Amino acid sequence: MPDEPVLVQGDVSKLHQVVANLLTNARTHTPAGTLITTSLSARGKDAVIEVTDTGPGIDAALVPTLFERFVRGDGSRSRASGSTGLGLAIVSGVVEAHGGRAEVESAPGRTVFRVILSRGDG
């Protein structure tokens, strides 16, 4: 965490939901023992939140559609035993409503979900 506050204009509960969804997603879709870390930084006029895990990574074919509704990484999952496929769509929608963007980078051993929001005059 930075020494100085990193502030953005936005709906506190919705932004909390973004971080909660990313953390839940990491916990749900990685094996036991996977290290999950979060970070917050100020990069120029942007606030950047990252949730990084050391899991197996995301299938490259899935990455382009990952933030769309009802996308699931494992076709065998059901709503009862896995995800609904809405968590990342909610992340994207909330972040976009705040004028930001959500990104993902993934390779075996390192996946990073990044949320970028304007700090205004930062």
C-alpha atoms as a PDB file:
ATOM      1  CA  MET A   1       0.000   0.000   0.000  1.00  0.00           C
ATOM      2  CA  PRO A   2       1.247   3.487  -0.729  1.00  0.00           C
ATOM      3  CA  ASP A   3       2.187   5.821   2.131  1.00  0.00           C
ATOM      4  CA  GLU A   4      -0.269   8.448   0.869  1.00  0.00           C
ATOM      5  CA  PRO A   5      -4.014   7.889   0.326  1.00  0.00           C
ATOM      6  CA  VAL A   6      -5.099   6.967  -3.196  1.00  0.00           C
ATOM      7  CA  LEU A   7      -8.514   8.543  -3.715  1.00  0.00           C
ATOM      8  CA  VAL A   8     -11.100   8.184  -6.468  1.00  0.00           C
ATOM      9  CA  GLN A   9     -14.642   9.489  -6.834  1.00  0.00           C
ATOM     10  CA  GLY A  10     -17.125   6.657  -6.726  1.00  0.00           C
ATOM     11  CA  ASP A  11     -19.691   4.524  -4.990  1.00  0.00           C
ATOM     12  CA  VAL A  12     -17.915   2.950  -2.021  1.00  0.00           C
ATOM     13  CA  SER A  13     -20.151  -0.125  -1.869  1.00  0.00           C
ATOM     14  CA  LYS A  14     -19.861  -0.814  -5.599  1.00  0.00           C
ATOM     15  CA  LEU A  15     -16.071  -0.434  -5.539  1.00  0.00           C
ATOM     16  CA  HIS A  16     -15.948  -2.733  -2.512  1.00  0.00           C
ATOM     17  CA  GLN A  17     -17.972  -5.235  -4.543  1.00  0.00           C
ATOM     18  CA  VAL A  18     -15.358  -5.077  -7.320  1.00  0.00           C
ATOM     19  CA  VAL A  19     -12.534  -6.028  -4.965  1.00  0.00           C
ATOM     20  CA  ALA A  20     -14.653  -8.654  -3.199  1.00  0.00           C
ATOM     21  CA  ASN A  21     -15.588 -10.250  -6.541  1.00  0.00           C
ATOM     22  CA  LEU A  22     -11.963 -10.381  -7.665  1.00  0.00           C
ATOM     23  CA  LEU A  23     -10.857 -11.964  -4.396  1.00  0.00           C
ATOM     24  CA  THR A  24     -13.740 -14.461  -4.449  1.00  0.00           C
ATOM     25  CA  ASN A  25     -12.935 -15.326  -8.044  1.00  0.00           C
ATOM     26  CA  ALA A  26      -9.279 -15.978  -7.176  1.00  0.00           C
ATOM     27  CA  ARG A  27     -10.226 -18.133  -4.192  1.00  0.00           C
ATOM     28  CA  THR A  28     -12.839 -20.102  -6.140  1.00  0.00           C
ATOM     29  CA  HIS A  29     -10.813 -20.753  -9.289  1.00  0.00           C
ATOM     30  CA  THR A  30      -7.379 -21.613  -7.898  1.00  0.00           C
ATOM     31  CA  PRO A  31      -6.231 -24.697  -6.030  1.00  0.00           C
ATOM     32  CA  ALA A  32      -5.630 -24.805  -2.283  1.00  0.00           C
ATOM     33  CA  GLY A  33      -2.281 -23.296  -1.367  1.00  0.00           C
ATOM     34  CA  THR A  34      -2.354 -20.667  -4.106  1.00  0.00           C
ATOM     35  CA  LEU A  35      -0.933 -17.328  -2.970  1.00  0.00           C
ATOM     36  CA  ILE A  36      -3.340 -14.440  -3.625  1.00  0.00           C
ATOM     37  CA  THR A  37      -2.174 -10.857  -3.104  1.00  0.00           C
ATOM     38  CA  THR A  38      -3.755  -7.461  -3.557  1.00  0.00           C
ATOM     39  CA  SER A  39      -2.103  -4.140  -4.184  1.00  0.00           C
ATOM     40  CA  LEU A  40      -3.073  -0.516  -4.595  1.00  0.00           C
ATOM     41  CA  SER A  41      -0.935   2.085  -6.305  1.00  0.00           C
ATOM     42  CA  ALA A  42      -1.079   5.540  -7.823  1.00  0.00           C
ATOM     43  CA  ARG A  43       0.229   5.640 -11.384  1.00  0.00           C
ATOM     44  CA  GLY A  44       0.094   9.137 -12.727  1.00  0.00           C
ATOM     45  CA  LYS A  45      -3.554  10.188 -12.723  1.00  0.00           C
ATOM     46  CA  ASP A  46      -4.778   6.641 -12.153  1.00  0.00           C
ATOM     47  CA  ALA A  47      -5.465   4.468  -9.144  1.00  0.00           C
ATOM     48  CA  VAL A  48      -4.572   0.844  -9.835  1.00  0.00           C
ATOM     49  CA  ILE A  49      -5.876  -2.118  -7.857  1.00  0.00           C
ATOM     50  CA  GLU A  50      -4.379  -5.519  -8.616  1.00  0.00           C
ATOM     51  CA  VAL A  51      -5.362  -8.988  -7.455  1.00  0.00           C
ATOM     52  CA  THR A  52      -2.593 -11.440  -8.326  1.00  0.00           C
ATOM     53  CA  ASP A  53      -2.489 -15.193  -7.838  1.00  0.00           C
ATOM     54  CA  THR A  54       0.058 -17.950  -8.338  1.00  0.00           C
ATOM     55  CA  GLY A  55      -2.480 -20.428  -9.691  1.00  0.00           C
ATOM     56  CA  PRO A  56      -2.426 -22.394 -12.927  1.00  0.00           C
ATOM     57  CA  GLY A  57      -3.525 -19.486 -15.119  1.00  0.00           C
ATOM     58  CA  ILE A  58      -6.474 -18.970 -17.437  1.00  0.00           C
ATOM     59  CA  ASP A  59      -6.875 -20.669 -20.795  1.00  0.00           C
ATOM     60  CA  ALA A  60      -5.708 -18.106 -23.382  1.00  0.00           C
ATOM     61  CA  ALA A  61      -8.784 -18.826 -25.529  1.00  0.00           C
ATOM     62  CA  LEU A  62     -11.008 -17.677 -22.664  1.00  0.00           C
ATOM     63  CA  VAL A  63      -9.221 -14.403 -21.869  1.00  0.00           C
ATOM     64  CA  PRO A  64     -10.872 -12.241 -24.601  1.00  0.00           C
ATOM     65  CA  THR A  65     -14.373 -13.027 -23.292  1.00  0.00           C
ATOM     66  CA  LEU A  66     -13.583 -13.288 -19.587  1.00  0.00           C
ATOM     67  CA  PHE A  67     -15.475 -10.124 -18.582  1.00  0.00           C
ATOM     68  CA  GLU A  68     -18.631 -11.107 -20.489  1.00  0.00           C
ATOM     69  CA  ARG A  69     -21.721 -12.422 -18.705  1.00  0.00           C
ATOM     70  CA  PHE A  70     -22.019 -16.153 -18.062  1.00  0.00           C
ATOM     71  CA  VAL A  71     -18.437 -16.962 -19.084  1.00  0.00           C
ATOM     72  CA  ARG A  72     -17.022 -19.829 -17.022  1.00  0.00           C
ATOM     73  CA  GLY A  73     -13.536 -21.251 -17.160  1.00  0.00           C
ATOM     74  CA  ASP A  74     -14.678 -24.805 -16.464  1.00  0.00           C
ATOM     75  CA  GLY A  75     -17.620 -26.092 -18.485  1.00  0.00           C
ATOM     76  CA  SER A  76     -18.355 -28.713 -15.866  1.00  0.00           C
ATOM     77  CA  ARG A  77     -19.156 -26.124 -13.218  1.00  0.00           C
ATOM     78  CA  SER A  78     -22.766 -25.516 -12.380  1.00  0.00           C
ATOM     79  CA  ARG A  79     -24.430 -22.754 -10.419  1.00  0.00           C
ATOM     80  CA  ALA A  80     -24.668 -25.158  -7.481  1.00  0.00           C
ATOM     81  CA  SER A  81     -21.008 -26.214  -7.438  1.00  0.00           C
ATOM     82  CA  GLY A  82     -19.167 -23.368  -9.127  1.00  0.00           C
ATOM     83  CA  SER A  83     -19.738 -19.880 -10.380  1.00  0.00           C
ATOM     84  CA  THR A  84     -22.610 -18.247 -12.201  1.00  0.00           C
ATOM     85  CA  GLY A  85     -20.234 -16.574 -14.618  1.00  0.00           C
ATOM     86  CA  LEU A  86     -21.369 -13.107 -13.522  1.00  0.00           C
ATOM     87  CA  GLY A  87     -18.631 -11.986 -11.108  1.00  0.00           C
ATOM     88  CA  LEU A  88     -16.200 -10.612 -13.674  1.00  0.00           C
ATOM     89  CA  ALA A  89     -19.028  -9.095 -15.744  1.00  0.00           C
ATOM     90  CA  ILE A  90     -20.093  -7.208 -12.615  1.00  0.00           C
ATOM     91  CA  VAL A  91     -16.497  -6.107 -12.057  1.00  0.00           C
ATOM     92  CA  SER A  92     -16.273  -4.792 -15.599  1.00  0.00           C
ATOM     93  CA  GLY A  93     -19.668  -3.059 -15.469  1.00  0.00           C
ATOM     94  CA  VAL A  94     -18.979  -1.295 -12.174  1.00  0.00           C
ATOM     95  CA  VAL A  95     -15.487  -0.237 -13.222  1.00  0.00           C
ATOM     96  CA  GLU A  96     -16.730   1.071 -16.586  1.00  0.00           C
ATOM     97  CA  ALA A  97     -19.556   2.957 -14.829  1.00  0.00           C
ATOM     98  CA  HIS A  98     -16.812   4.693 -12.834  1.00  0.00           C
ATOM     99  CA  GLY A  99     -14.975   5.639 -16.058  1.00  0.00           C
ATOM    100  CA  GLY A 100     -12.292   2.991 -15.632  1.00  0.00           C
ATOM    101  CA  ARG A 101     -11.316  -0.311 -17.117  1.00  0.00           C
ATOM    102  CA  ALA A 102     -10.605  -3.860 -15.960  1.00  0.00           C
ATOM    103  CA  GLU A 103      -7.804  -5.943 -17.430  1.00  0.00           C
ATOM    104  CA  VAL A 104      -6.346  -9.408 -17.007  1.00  0.00           C
ATOM    105  CA  GLU A 105      -2.946 -10.927 -17.736  1.00  0.00           C
ATOM    106  CA  SER A 106      -2.519 -14.647 -17.255  1.00  0.00           C
ATOM    107  CA  ALA A 107       0.148 -17.289 -17.624  1.00  0.00           C
ATOM    108  CA  PRO A 108       0.760 -20.460 -15.665  1.00  0.00           C
ATOM    109  CA  GLY A 109       1.881 -19.420 -12.186  1.00  0.00           C
ATOM    110  CA  ARG A 110       0.738 -15.787 -12.420  1.00  0.00           C
ATOM    111  CA  THR A 111      -2.630 -14.213 -13.126  1.00  0.00           C
ATOM    112  CA  VAL A 112      -3.225 -10.510 -12.527  1.00  0.00           C
ATOM    113  CA  PHE A 113      -6.618  -8.820 -12.549  1.00  0.00           C
ATOM    114  CA  ARG A 114      -6.124  -5.055 -12.751  1.00  0.00           C
ATOM    115  CA  VAL A 115      -8.658  -2.294 -12.132  1.00  0.00           C
ATOM    116  CA  ILE A 116      -7.703   1.169 -13.347  1.00  0.00           C
ATOM    117  CA  LEU A 117      -9.686   4.192 -12.139  1.00  0.00           C
ATOM    118  CA  SER A 118      -9.048   7.887 -12.622  1.00  0.00           C
ATOM    119  CA  ARG A 119      -7.896   9.838  -9.575  1.00  0.00           C
ATOM    120  CA  GLY A 120      -9.032  13.054 -11.239  1.00  0.00           C
ATOM    121  CA  ASP A 121      -6.199  15.556 -11.098  1.00  0.00           C
ATOM    122  CA  GLY A 122      -3.933  13.004  -9.300  1.00  0.00           C
END
